[in-house]
């Protein structure tokens, strides 16, 4: 299927690995010129080379912390007029909410809510003027099904979801869409790290902990990041202009609900 976005300019935040990288790859395969981002310059260069060789598209790495004004400036210097913006940022680690300090809470809200809003503020008007824009925020399945220990992440991402729900409706007539993707358990470095920590705490093997987690997923497997990237690319497609203000939950059926 031709997504109709060949030649478009895309920024994908936190895309040197994991789900961000999968989204960058899918957009590159669709013909977009992609700016990828991460804080580890070496890992970022490797990801750019990999995506470029697989997709044959222009991939520009920008090593920067997207949570800082300087990082955002660097991204927009590399791609001054993006047609597509994928907001993504790592969430805070699992922690008992009683242990959270005021500064940790502020940092979590900045990373998982404010940064995305700031970037959208910078790109939404030019997108509206050009009458094409696709904004996708990678949040979390915990927005719909909060998990104890991830309270800060869940709260900040839920705040972003509510904040943008109204904004999305104000630009829909300009062919600018804003949607959220809510991943469940995908086979990424972050998931493997979480499984390792859980195994250590419970005195179990990582294999057993992984099996226990898979048993809670109706699909009986972890998600493949390629699947996530493909869904992201579709939300960015020319054909997705009538989809906005939505939350796409991709979790193998884990959330047990009809809506």
C-alpha atoms as a PDB file:
ATOM      1  CA  UNK A   1       0.000   0.000   0.000  1.00  0.00           C
ATOM      2  CA  UNK A   2       1.363   3.395  -1.005  1.00  0.00           C
ATOM      3  CA  UNK A   3       0.998   5.608   2.053  1.00  0.00           C
ATOM      4  CA  UNK A   4       1.265   8.772  -0.018  1.00  0.00           C
ATOM      5  CA  UNK A   5       3.995  10.368   2.114  1.00  0.00           C
ATOM      6  CA  UNK A   6       7.083   9.845  -0.048  1.00  0.00           C
ATOM      7  CA  UNK A   7       9.176  13.004   0.088  1.00  0.00           C
ATOM      8  CA  UNK A   8       7.681  14.198   3.353  1.00  0.00           C
ATOM      9  CA  UNK A   9       9.937  15.405   6.169  1.00  0.00           C
ATOM     10  CA  UNK A  10       9.707  13.598   9.525  1.00  0.00           C
ATOM     11  CA  UNK A  11      11.156  14.043  13.002  1.00  0.00           C
ATOM     12  CA  UNK A  12      11.126  10.985  15.244  1.00  0.00           C
ATOM     13  CA  UNK A  13      12.169  11.637  18.834  1.00  0.00           C
ATOM     14  CA  UNK A  14      14.060   9.051  20.895  1.00  0.00           C
ATOM     15  CA  UNK A  15      14.586   6.838  17.878  1.00  0.00           C
ATOM     16  CA  UNK A  16      18.033   5.297  18.242  1.00  0.00           C
ATOM     17  CA  UNK A  17      16.398   2.077  19.452  1.00  0.00           C
ATOM     18  CA  UNK A  18      13.129   0.425  20.407  1.00  0.00           C
ATOM     19  CA  UNK A  19       9.737   1.625  19.240  1.00  0.00           C
ATOM     20  CA  UNK A  20      11.028   5.020  18.121  1.00  0.00           C
ATOM     21  CA  UNK A  21      13.555   3.359  15.855  1.00  0.00           C
ATOM     22  CA  UNK A  22      10.854   1.082  14.434  1.00  0.00           C
ATOM     23  CA  UNK A  23       8.717   4.127  13.604  1.00  0.00           C
ATOM     24  CA  UNK A  24      11.648   5.893  11.954  1.00  0.00           C
ATOM     25  CA  UNK A  25      12.366   2.830   9.855  1.00  0.00           C
ATOM     26  CA  UNK A  26       8.736   2.481   8.724  1.00  0.00           C
ATOM     27  CA  UNK A  27       8.577   6.145   7.730  1.00  0.00           C
ATOM     28  CA  UNK A  28      11.873   5.875   5.855  1.00  0.00           C
ATOM     29  CA  UNK A  29      10.556   2.817   4.029  1.00  0.00           C
ATOM     30  CA  UNK A  30       7.519   4.886   3.042  1.00  0.00           C
ATOM     31  CA  UNK A  31       9.863   7.387   1.390  1.00  0.00           C
ATOM     32  CA  UNK A  32      10.146  10.053   4.073  1.00  0.00           C
ATOM     33  CA  UNK A  33      13.340  11.924   4.845  1.00  0.00           C
ATOM     34  CA  UNK A  34      13.730  11.167   8.543  1.00  0.00           C
ATOM     35  CA  UNK A  35      15.532  12.959  11.357  1.00  0.00           C
ATOM     36  CA  UNK A  36      16.237  10.522  14.179  1.00  0.00           C
ATOM     37  CA  UNK A  37      17.226  11.468  17.689  1.00  0.00           C
ATOM     38  CA  UNK A  38      18.908  10.140  20.803  1.00  0.00           C
ATOM     39  CA  UNK A  39      21.442  11.127  23.436  1.00  0.00           C
ATOM     40  CA  UNK A  40      24.023   8.433  22.631  1.00  0.00           C
ATOM     41  CA  UNK A  41      25.780   9.675  19.498  1.00  0.00           C
ATOM     42  CA  UNK A  42      27.445   6.349  18.727  1.00  0.00           C
ATOM     43  CA  UNK A  43      24.216   4.371  19.012  1.00  0.00           C
ATOM     44  CA  UNK A  44      22.408   7.021  16.994  1.00  0.00           C
ATOM     45  CA  UNK A  45      24.914   6.891  14.129  1.00  0.00           C
ATOM     46  CA  UNK A  46      24.566   3.107  14.053  1.00  0.00           C
ATOM     47  CA  UNK A  47      20.768   3.369  13.889  1.00  0.00           C
ATOM     48  CA  UNK A  48      20.959   5.938  11.082  1.00  0.00           C
ATOM     49  CA  UNK A  49      23.238   3.688   9.041  1.00  0.00           C
ATOM     50  CA  UNK A  50      20.986   0.682   9.626  1.00  0.00           C
ATOM     51  CA  UNK A  51      17.757   2.477   8.712  1.00  0.00           C
ATOM     52  CA  UNK A  52      19.365   4.148   5.713  1.00  0.00           C
ATOM     53  CA  UNK A  53      20.688   0.854   4.338  1.00  0.00           C
ATOM     54  CA  UNK A  54      17.348  -0.912   4.807  1.00  0.00           C
ATOM     55  CA  UNK A  55      15.076   1.809   3.545  1.00  0.00           C
ATOM     56  CA  UNK A  56      17.290   3.618   1.071  1.00  0.00           C
ATOM     57  CA  UNK A  57      16.022   6.963   2.346  1.00  0.00           C
ATOM     58  CA  UNK A  58      17.735  10.027   3.784  1.00  0.00           C
ATOM     59  CA  UNK A  59      18.253   9.615   7.527  1.00  0.00           C
ATOM     60  CA  UNK A  60      19.771  12.434   9.581  1.00  0.00           C
ATOM     61  CA  UNK A  61      20.903  11.721  13.141  1.00  0.00           C
ATOM     62  CA  UNK A  62      20.672  14.491  15.749  1.00  0.00           C
ATOM     63  CA  UNK A  63      22.313  13.674  19.069  1.00  0.00           C
ATOM     64  CA  UNK A  64      20.451  15.761  21.628  1.00  0.00           C
ATOM     65  CA  UNK A  65      18.294  15.617  24.718  1.00  0.00           C
ATOM     66  CA  UNK A  66      14.829  16.466  23.417  1.00  0.00           C
ATOM     67  CA  UNK A  67      13.761  17.479  26.937  1.00  0.00           C
ATOM     68  CA  UNK A  68      15.988  20.572  26.731  1.00  0.00           C
ATOM     69  CA  UNK A  69      15.397  23.758  24.715  1.00  0.00           C
ATOM     70  CA  UNK A  70      18.791  23.223  23.081  1.00  0.00           C
ATOM     71  CA  UNK A  71      17.843  19.706  22.033  1.00  0.00           C
ATOM     72  CA  UNK A  72      14.574  20.852  20.509  1.00  0.00           C
ATOM     73  CA  UNK A  73      16.370  23.653  18.687  1.00  0.00           C
ATOM     74  CA  UNK A  74      18.842  21.153  17.228  1.00  0.00           C
ATOM     75  CA  UNK A  75      16.032  18.923  15.958  1.00  0.00           C
ATOM     76  CA  UNK A  76      14.240  21.794  14.263  1.00  0.00           C
ATOM     77  CA  UNK A  77      17.495  23.113  12.810  1.00  0.00           C
ATOM     78  CA  UNK A  78      17.920  19.737  11.089  1.00  0.00           C
ATOM     79  CA  UNK A  79      14.289  19.739   9.929  1.00  0.00           C
ATOM     80  CA  UNK A  80      12.826  23.264  10.048  1.00  0.00           C
ATOM     81  CA  UNK A  81       9.459  22.343   8.541  1.00  0.00           C
ATOM     82  CA  UNK A  82       8.507  18.801   9.467  1.00  0.00           C
ATOM     83  CA  UNK A  83       5.379  17.318   7.921  1.00  0.00           C
ATOM     84  CA  UNK A  84       5.428  14.521  10.490  1.00  0.00           C
ATOM     85  CA  UNK A  85       6.337  14.609  14.183  1.00  0.00           C
ATOM     86  CA  UNK A  86       6.618  11.495  16.318  1.00  0.00           C
ATOM     87  CA  UNK A  87       6.867  12.396  20.000  1.00  0.00           C
ATOM     88  CA  UNK A  88       8.590   9.782  22.104  1.00  0.00           C
ATOM     89  CA  UNK A  89      10.593   9.783  25.304  1.00  0.00           C
ATOM     90  CA  UNK A  90      11.611   7.183  27.844  1.00  0.00           C
ATOM     91  CA  UNK A  91       9.461   6.986  30.929  1.00  0.00           C
ATOM     92  CA  UNK A  92      10.718   7.076  34.514  1.00  0.00           C
ATOM     93  CA  UNK A  93      11.696   3.729  36.044  1.00  0.00           C
ATOM     94  CA  UNK A  94       9.343   1.767  38.283  1.00  0.00           C
ATOM     95  CA  UNK A  95       9.248   3.276  41.748  1.00  0.00           C
ATOM     96  CA  UNK A  96       6.888   3.277  44.718  1.00  0.00           C
ATOM     97  CA  UNK A  97       5.006   6.574  44.493  1.00  0.00           C
ATOM     98  CA  UNK A  98       5.763   7.278  48.154  1.00  0.00           C
ATOM     99  CA  UNK A  99       9.463   7.464  47.277  1.00  0.00           C
ATOM    100  CA  UNK A 100       9.045  10.097  44.553  1.00  0.00           C
ATOM    101  CA  UNK A 101      10.576  13.468  45.304  1.00  0.00           C
ATOM    102  CA  UNK A 102       9.076  16.724  44.086  1.00  0.00           C
ATOM    103  CA  UNK A 103      11.892  17.141  41.547  1.00  0.00           C
ATOM    104  CA  UNK A 104      11.449  13.599  40.218  1.00  0.00           C
ATOM    105  CA  UNK A 105       7.760  14.296  39.676  1.00  0.00           C
ATOM    106  CA  UNK A 106       8.519  17.551  37.882  1.00  0.00           C
ATOM    107  CA  UNK A 107      11.135  15.858  35.700  1.00  0.00           C
ATOM    108  CA  UNK A 108       8.679  13.076  34.819  1.00  0.00           C
ATOM    109  CA  UNK A 109       5.984  15.521  33.765  1.00  0.00           C
ATOM    110  CA  UNK A 110       8.489  17.480  31.693  1.00  0.00           C
ATOM    111  CA  UNK A 111       9.780  14.367  29.912  1.00  0.00           C
ATOM    112  CA  UNK A 112       6.460  12.654  29.249  1.00  0.00           C
ATOM    113  CA  UNK A 113       4.070  15.573  28.816  1.00  0.00           C
ATOM    114  CA  UNK A 114       5.604  19.016  28.451  1.00  0.00           C
ATOM    115  CA  UNK A 115       8.264  18.156  25.846  1.00  0.00           C
ATOM    116  CA  UNK A 116       5.671  16.826  23.405  1.00  0.00           C
ATOM    117  CA  UNK A 117       3.489  19.901  23.878  1.00  0.00           C
ATOM    118  CA  UNK A 118       6.445  22.236  23.322  1.00  0.00           C
ATOM    119  CA  UNK A 119       7.389  20.535  20.063  1.00  0.00           C
ATOM    120  CA  UNK A 120       3.793  20.578  18.858  1.00  0.00           C
ATOM    121  CA  UNK A 121       3.588  24.291  19.643  1.00  0.00           C
ATOM    122  CA  UNK A 122       6.560  24.849  17.352  1.00  0.00           C
ATOM    123  CA  UNK A 123       5.350  22.837  14.345  1.00  0.00           C
ATOM    124  CA  UNK A 124       1.565  22.966  14.315  1.00  0.00           C
ATOM    125  CA  UNK A 125       1.067  26.393  12.741  1.00  0.00           C
ATOM    126  CA  UNK A 126       3.387  25.743   9.746  1.00  0.00           C
ATOM    127  CA  UNK A 127       1.688  22.351   9.281  1.00  0.00           C
ATOM    128  CA  UNK A 128      -1.707  24.069   9.278  1.00  0.00           C
ATOM    129  CA  UNK A 129      -0.547  26.628   6.732  1.00  0.00           C
ATOM    130  CA  UNK A 130       0.747  23.872   4.428  1.00  0.00           C
ATOM    131  CA  UNK A 131      -2.460  21.896   5.051  1.00  0.00           C
ATOM    132  CA  UNK A 132      -0.675  18.691   5.941  1.00  0.00           C
ATOM    133  CA  UNK A 133       0.568  17.480   9.278  1.00  0.00           C
ATOM    134  CA  UNK A 134       0.717  14.201  11.111  1.00  0.00           C
ATOM    135  CA  UNK A 135       1.570  14.165  14.820  1.00  0.00           C
ATOM    136  CA  UNK A 136       1.796  10.895  16.718  1.00  0.00           C
ATOM    137  CA  UNK A 137       2.575  10.688  20.419  1.00  0.00           C
ATOM    138  CA  UNK A 138       3.937   7.398  21.734  1.00  0.00           C
ATOM    139  CA  UNK A 139       2.455   7.150  25.205  1.00  0.00           C
ATOM    140  CA  UNK A 140       1.722   3.838  26.966  1.00  0.00           C
ATOM    141  CA  UNK A 141      -0.927   1.209  27.513  1.00  0.00           C
ATOM    142  CA  UNK A 142      -0.766   2.294  31.158  1.00  0.00           C
ATOM    143  CA  UNK A 143      -2.789   5.382  30.179  1.00  0.00           C
ATOM    144  CA  UNK A 144      -5.801   3.040  29.949  1.00  0.00           C
ATOM    145  CA  UNK A 145      -4.608   0.466  32.455  1.00  0.00           C
ATOM    146  CA  UNK A 146      -2.368   2.149  35.066  1.00  0.00           C
ATOM    147  CA  UNK A 147       0.218  -0.012  36.799  1.00  0.00           C
ATOM    148  CA  UNK A 148       1.406   0.488  40.355  1.00  0.00           C
ATOM    149  CA  UNK A 149       5.026   1.609  40.256  1.00  0.00           C
ATOM    150  CA  UNK A 150       4.571   3.411  36.946  1.00  0.00           C
ATOM    151  CA  UNK A 151       2.288   6.049  38.439  1.00  0.00           C
ATOM    152  CA  UNK A 152       4.409   9.002  37.354  1.00  0.00           C
ATOM    153  CA  UNK A 153       4.680   7.755  33.780  1.00  0.00           C
ATOM    154  CA  UNK A 154       0.965   6.946  33.623  1.00  0.00           C
ATOM    155  CA  UNK A 155      -0.039  10.303  35.074  1.00  0.00           C
ATOM    156  CA  UNK A 156       2.158  12.408  32.814  1.00  0.00           C
ATOM    157  CA  UNK A 157       1.137  10.526  29.669  1.00  0.00           C
ATOM    158  CA  UNK A 158      -2.544  10.667  30.616  1.00  0.00           C
ATOM    159  CA  UNK A 159      -2.118  14.415  31.091  1.00  0.00           C
ATOM    160  CA  UNK A 160      -0.651  14.714  27.596  1.00  0.00           C
ATOM    161  CA  UNK A 161      -3.566  12.716  26.186  1.00  0.00           C
ATOM    162  CA  UNK A 162      -6.166  14.978  27.798  1.00  0.00           C
ATOM    163  CA  UNK A 163      -4.278  18.168  26.926  1.00  0.00           C
ATOM    164  CA  UNK A 164      -4.118  17.327  23.220  1.00  0.00           C
ATOM    165  CA  UNK A 165      -7.651  15.960  22.904  1.00  0.00           C
ATOM    166  CA  UNK A 166      -9.031  19.446  22.437  1.00  0.00           C
ATOM    167  CA  UNK A 167      -6.068  20.703  20.412  1.00  0.00           C
ATOM    168  CA  UNK A 168      -6.530  17.905  17.866  1.00  0.00           C
ATOM    169  CA  UNK A 169     -10.032  19.132  17.040  1.00  0.00           C
ATOM    170  CA  UNK A 170      -8.870  22.688  16.352  1.00  0.00           C
ATOM    171  CA  UNK A 171      -6.637  21.710  13.426  1.00  0.00           C
ATOM    172  CA  UNK A 172      -8.537  18.785  11.908  1.00  0.00           C
ATOM    173  CA  UNK A 173      -9.933  21.031   9.169  1.00  0.00           C
ATOM    174  CA  UNK A 174      -6.359  21.931   8.170  1.00  0.00           C
ATOM    175  CA  UNK A 175      -5.517  18.259   7.431  1.00  0.00           C
ATOM    176  CA  UNK A 176      -3.390  18.127  10.570  1.00  0.00           C
ATOM    177  CA  UNK A 177      -3.997  15.131  12.795  1.00  0.00           C
ATOM    178  CA  UNK A 178      -2.874  14.357  16.336  1.00  0.00           C
ATOM    179  CA  UNK A 179      -3.118  10.785  17.577  1.00  0.00           C
ATOM    180  CA  UNK A 180      -1.610   8.693  20.358  1.00  0.00           C
ATOM    181  CA  UNK A 181      -0.181   5.194  20.229  1.00  0.00           C
ATOM    182  CA  UNK A 182      -0.403   3.167  23.434  1.00  0.00           C
ATOM    183  CA  UNK A 183       2.040   0.247  23.385  1.00  0.00           C
ATOM    184  CA  UNK A 184       1.758  -2.771  25.614  1.00  0.00           C
ATOM    185  CA  UNK A 185       4.623  -5.243  26.037  1.00  0.00           C
ATOM    186  CA  UNK A 186       6.927  -5.043  23.024  1.00  0.00           C
ATOM    187  CA  UNK A 187      10.214  -6.865  22.652  1.00  0.00           C
ATOM    188  CA  UNK A 188      12.540  -3.932  23.262  1.00  0.00           C
ATOM    189  CA  UNK A 189      15.597  -3.178  25.388  1.00  0.00           C
ATOM    190  CA  UNK A 190      13.338  -1.430  27.899  1.00  0.00           C
ATOM    191  CA  UNK A 191      11.133  -4.505  28.319  1.00  0.00           C
ATOM    192  CA  UNK A 192      14.140  -6.777  28.701  1.00  0.00           C
ATOM    193  CA  UNK A 193      15.561  -4.458  31.352  1.00  0.00           C
ATOM    194  CA  UNK A 194      12.256  -4.487  33.226  1.00  0.00           C
ATOM    195  CA  UNK A 195      12.092  -8.278  33.066  1.00  0.00           C
ATOM    196  CA  UNK A 196      15.631  -8.536  34.426  1.00  0.00           C
ATOM    197  CA  UNK A 197      14.845  -6.238  37.347  1.00  0.00           C
ATOM    198  CA  UNK A 198      11.656  -8.141  38.117  1.00  0.00           C
ATOM    199  CA  UNK A 199      13.525 -11.451  38.004  1.00  0.00           C
ATOM    200  CA  UNK A 200      16.094 -10.112  40.445  1.00  0.00           C
ATOM    201  CA  UNK A 201      13.439  -8.863  42.860  1.00  0.00           C
ATOM    202  CA  UNK A 202      11.420 -12.082  42.744  1.00  0.00           C
ATOM    203  CA  UNK A 203      14.361 -14.455  42.733  1.00  0.00           C
ATOM    204  CA  UNK A 204      13.264 -16.025  39.471  1.00  0.00           C
ATOM    205  CA  UNK A 205      14.956 -16.521  36.136  1.00  0.00           C
ATOM    206  CA  UNK A 206      14.378 -13.967  33.382  1.00  0.00           C
ATOM    207  CA  UNK A 207      12.921 -16.775  31.259  1.00  0.00           C
ATOM    208  CA  UNK A 208      10.324 -17.572  33.904  1.00  0.00           C
ATOM    209  CA  UNK A 209       9.424 -13.930  34.448  1.00  0.00           C
ATOM    210  CA  UNK A 210       9.030 -13.456  30.690  1.00  0.00           C
ATOM    211  CA  UNK A 211       6.816 -16.550  30.479  1.00  0.00           C
ATOM    212  CA  UNK A 212       4.671 -15.268  33.347  1.00  0.00           C
ATOM    213  CA  UNK A 213       4.225 -11.928  31.567  1.00  0.00           C
ATOM    214  CA  UNK A 214       3.374 -13.573  28.251  1.00  0.00           C
ATOM    215  CA  UNK A 215       0.701 -15.631  29.971  1.00  0.00           C
ATOM    216  CA  UNK A 216      -1.131 -12.390  30.810  1.00  0.00           C
ATOM    217  CA  UNK A 217      -1.284 -11.419  27.124  1.00  0.00           C
ATOM    218  CA  UNK A 218      -4.116 -12.984  25.077  1.00  0.00           C
ATOM    219  CA  UNK A 219      -1.860 -13.038  21.990  1.00  0.00           C
ATOM    220  CA  UNK A 220       0.605 -15.156  24.034  1.00  0.00           C
ATOM    221  CA  UNK A 221       3.645 -13.252  22.821  1.00  0.00           C
ATOM    222  CA  UNK A 222       5.389  -9.927  23.040  1.00  0.00           C
ATOM    223  CA  UNK A 223       4.819  -7.414  20.276  1.00  0.00           C
ATOM    224  CA  UNK A 224       7.301  -7.005  17.440  1.00  0.00           C
ATOM    225  CA  UNK A 225       8.477  -3.374  17.107  1.00  0.00           C
ATOM    226  CA  UNK A 226       8.068  -3.707  13.326  1.00  0.00           C
ATOM    227  CA  UNK A 227       4.326  -4.081  13.898  1.00  0.00           C
ATOM    228  CA  UNK A 228       4.280  -0.894  15.929  1.00  0.00           C
ATOM    229  CA  UNK A 229       6.252   1.011  13.305  1.00  0.00           C
ATOM    230  CA  UNK A 230       3.856  -0.060  10.548  1.00  0.00           C
ATOM    231  CA  UNK A 231       0.862   1.180  12.531  1.00  0.00           C
ATOM    232  CA  UNK A 232       2.618   4.486  13.161  1.00  0.00           C
ATOM    233  CA  UNK A 233       3.393   4.914   9.469  1.00  0.00           C
ATOM    234  CA  UNK A 234      -0.270   4.370   8.601  1.00  0.00           C
ATOM    235  CA  UNK A 235      -1.383   7.051  11.076  1.00  0.00           C
ATOM    236  CA  UNK A 236       1.039   9.366   9.266  1.00  0.00           C
ATOM    237  CA  UNK A 237      -0.263   8.430   5.823  1.00  0.00           C
ATOM    238  CA  UNK A 238      -2.285  10.507   3.393  1.00  0.00           C
ATOM    239  CA  UNK A 239      -5.134   8.035   3.902  1.00  0.00           C
ATOM    240  CA  UNK A 240      -5.343   8.699   7.656  1.00  0.00           C
ATOM    241  CA  UNK A 241      -6.536  12.300   7.444  1.00  0.00           C
ATOM    242  CA  UNK A 242      -9.926  11.409   8.945  1.00  0.00           C
ATOM    243  CA  UNK A 243      -8.379   9.846  12.057  1.00  0.00           C
ATOM    244  CA  UNK A 244      -7.577  12.335  14.796  1.00  0.00           C
ATOM    245  CA  UNK A 245      -7.751  12.646  18.565  1.00  0.00           C
ATOM    246  CA  UNK A 246      -7.599   8.878  18.911  1.00  0.00           C
ATOM    247  CA  UNK A 247      -5.734   6.474  21.185  1.00  0.00           C
ATOM    248  CA  UNK A 248      -4.537   3.362  19.383  1.00  0.00           C
ATOM    249  CA  UNK A 249      -3.907   0.642  21.968  1.00  0.00           C
ATOM    250  CA  UNK A 250      -1.529  -2.040  20.691  1.00  0.00           C
ATOM    251  CA  UNK A 251      -1.162  -4.609  23.437  1.00  0.00           C
ATOM    252  CA  UNK A 252      -2.087  -8.032  22.083  1.00  0.00           C
ATOM    253  CA  UNK A 253      -5.490  -7.826  23.752  1.00  0.00           C
ATOM    254  CA  UNK A 254      -4.210  -7.271  27.305  1.00  0.00           C
ATOM    255  CA  UNK A 255      -6.654  -4.488  28.118  1.00  0.00           C
ATOM    256  CA  UNK A 256      -9.909  -6.318  28.793  1.00  0.00           C
ATOM    257  CA  UNK A 257     -12.499  -3.807  27.655  1.00  0.00           C
ATOM    258  CA  UNK A 258     -14.959  -3.127  24.865  1.00  0.00           C
ATOM    259  CA  UNK A 259     -14.082   0.578  24.435  1.00  0.00           C
END
